[in-house]
């Protein structure tokens, strides 16, 4: 399975031109990038794609955080030196 850290969702601006909303993961944050200076007009299908991209991004951030937690936990399991 390929893990992606960036998703592009097609949309239109208010003038009907094709644009994209981008969802990406940056460290432990989910970033949503809208078309610059524009409104993103989404069809119901595109809203579903945006929802899926946001869900996947949160899962990716959660997996990264869980990996960091388990690394920190490894030291504490060794007991006192």
Protein backbone atom coordinates (compact mmCIF):
# COMPACT_ATOMS: atom_id res chain seq x y z
CA UNK A 1 0.00 0.00 0.00
CA UNK A 2 1.34 3.43 -0.95
CA UNK A 3 1.06 6.08 1.76
CA UNK A 4 0.53 9.58 0.43
CA UNK A 5 1.05 12.77 2.36
CA UNK A 6 -0.73 15.00 -0.16
CA UNK A 7 -4.16 14.84 -1.80
CA UNK A 8 -5.62 17.08 -4.52
CA UNK A 9 -9.37 17.52 -4.84
CA UNK A 10 -10.82 19.01 -8.01
CA UNK A 11 -13.18 21.95 -7.69
CA UNK A 12 -14.23 25.10 -9.50
CA UNK A 13 -13.98 28.73 -8.51
CA UNK A 14 -17.00 31.05 -8.58
CA UNK A 15 -16.29 31.86 -12.24
CA UNK A 16 -16.41 28.15 -13.11
CA UNK A 17 -12.67 27.73 -13.74
CA UNK A 18 -11.03 24.46 -12.73
CA UNK A 19 -9.09 24.66 -9.48
CA UNK A 20 -7.85 22.30 -6.76
CA UNK A 21 -8.08 22.14 -3.00
CA UNK A 22 -5.01 20.44 -1.56
CA UNK A 23 -4.79 18.52 1.70
CA UNK A 24 -1.33 17.71 3.02
CA UNK A 25 0.43 16.56 6.15
CA UNK A 26 3.12 18.77 7.65
CA UNK A 27 4.72 17.33 10.78
CA UNK A 28 1.80 16.64 13.10
CA UNK A 29 -0.67 18.96 11.35
CA UNK A 30 -3.18 18.64 8.52
CA UNK A 31 -2.94 21.56 6.08
CA UNK A 32 -5.80 22.58 3.77
CA UNK A 33 -4.78 24.78 0.83
CA UNK A 34 -7.57 26.47 -1.10
CA UNK A 35 -7.19 28.19 -4.46
CA UNK A 36 -5.40 31.50 -3.78
CA UNK A 37 -7.85 34.36 -3.43
CA UNK A 38 -10.72 32.16 -4.58
CA UNK A 39 -13.68 30.28 -3.23
CA UNK A 40 -13.74 26.54 -3.85
CA UNK A 41 -17.06 25.31 -5.25
CA UNK A 42 -17.38 21.57 -4.66
CA UNK A 43 -19.85 19.08 -6.09
CA UNK A 44 -21.26 16.50 -3.69
CA UNK A 45 -18.79 13.95 -5.09
CA UNK A 46 -15.89 16.36 -4.55
CA UNK A 47 -17.03 16.96 -0.97
CA UNK A 48 -16.81 13.19 -0.44
CA UNK A 49 -13.29 13.21 -1.86
CA UNK A 50 -12.32 16.11 0.41
CA UNK A 51 -13.74 14.24 3.41
CA UNK A 52 -11.78 11.12 2.46
CA UNK A 53 -8.57 13.12 1.99
CA UNK A 54 -9.00 14.79 5.39
CA UNK A 55 -9.67 11.41 7.01
CA UNK A 56 -6.58 9.89 5.40
CA UNK A 57 -4.45 12.87 6.46
CA UNK A 58 -5.61 12.57 10.07
CA UNK A 59 -4.86 8.84 10.03
CA UNK A 60 -1.39 9.61 8.68
CA UNK A 61 -0.76 12.18 11.43
CA UNK A 62 -2.09 9.74 14.03
CA UNK A 63 0.18 6.97 12.79
CA UNK A 64 3.19 9.29 12.98
CA UNK A 65 2.28 10.34 16.51
CA UNK A 66 1.77 6.72 17.57
CA UNK A 67 5.21 5.84 16.20
CA UNK A 68 6.79 8.65 18.20
CA UNK A 69 4.94 7.59 21.35
CA UNK A 70 6.10 3.99 21.01
CA UNK A 71 9.70 5.11 20.57
CA UNK A 72 9.47 7.17 23.76
CA UNK A 73 7.79 4.27 25.54
CA UNK A 74 10.64 1.91 24.64
CA UNK A 75 13.06 3.78 26.89
CA UNK A 76 10.70 3.78 29.86
CA UNK A 77 10.24 0.00 29.64
CA UNK A 78 13.92 -0.58 30.30
CA UNK A 79 13.56 0.57 33.89
CA UNK A 80 16.04 2.53 35.97
CA UNK A 81 19.67 2.48 34.92
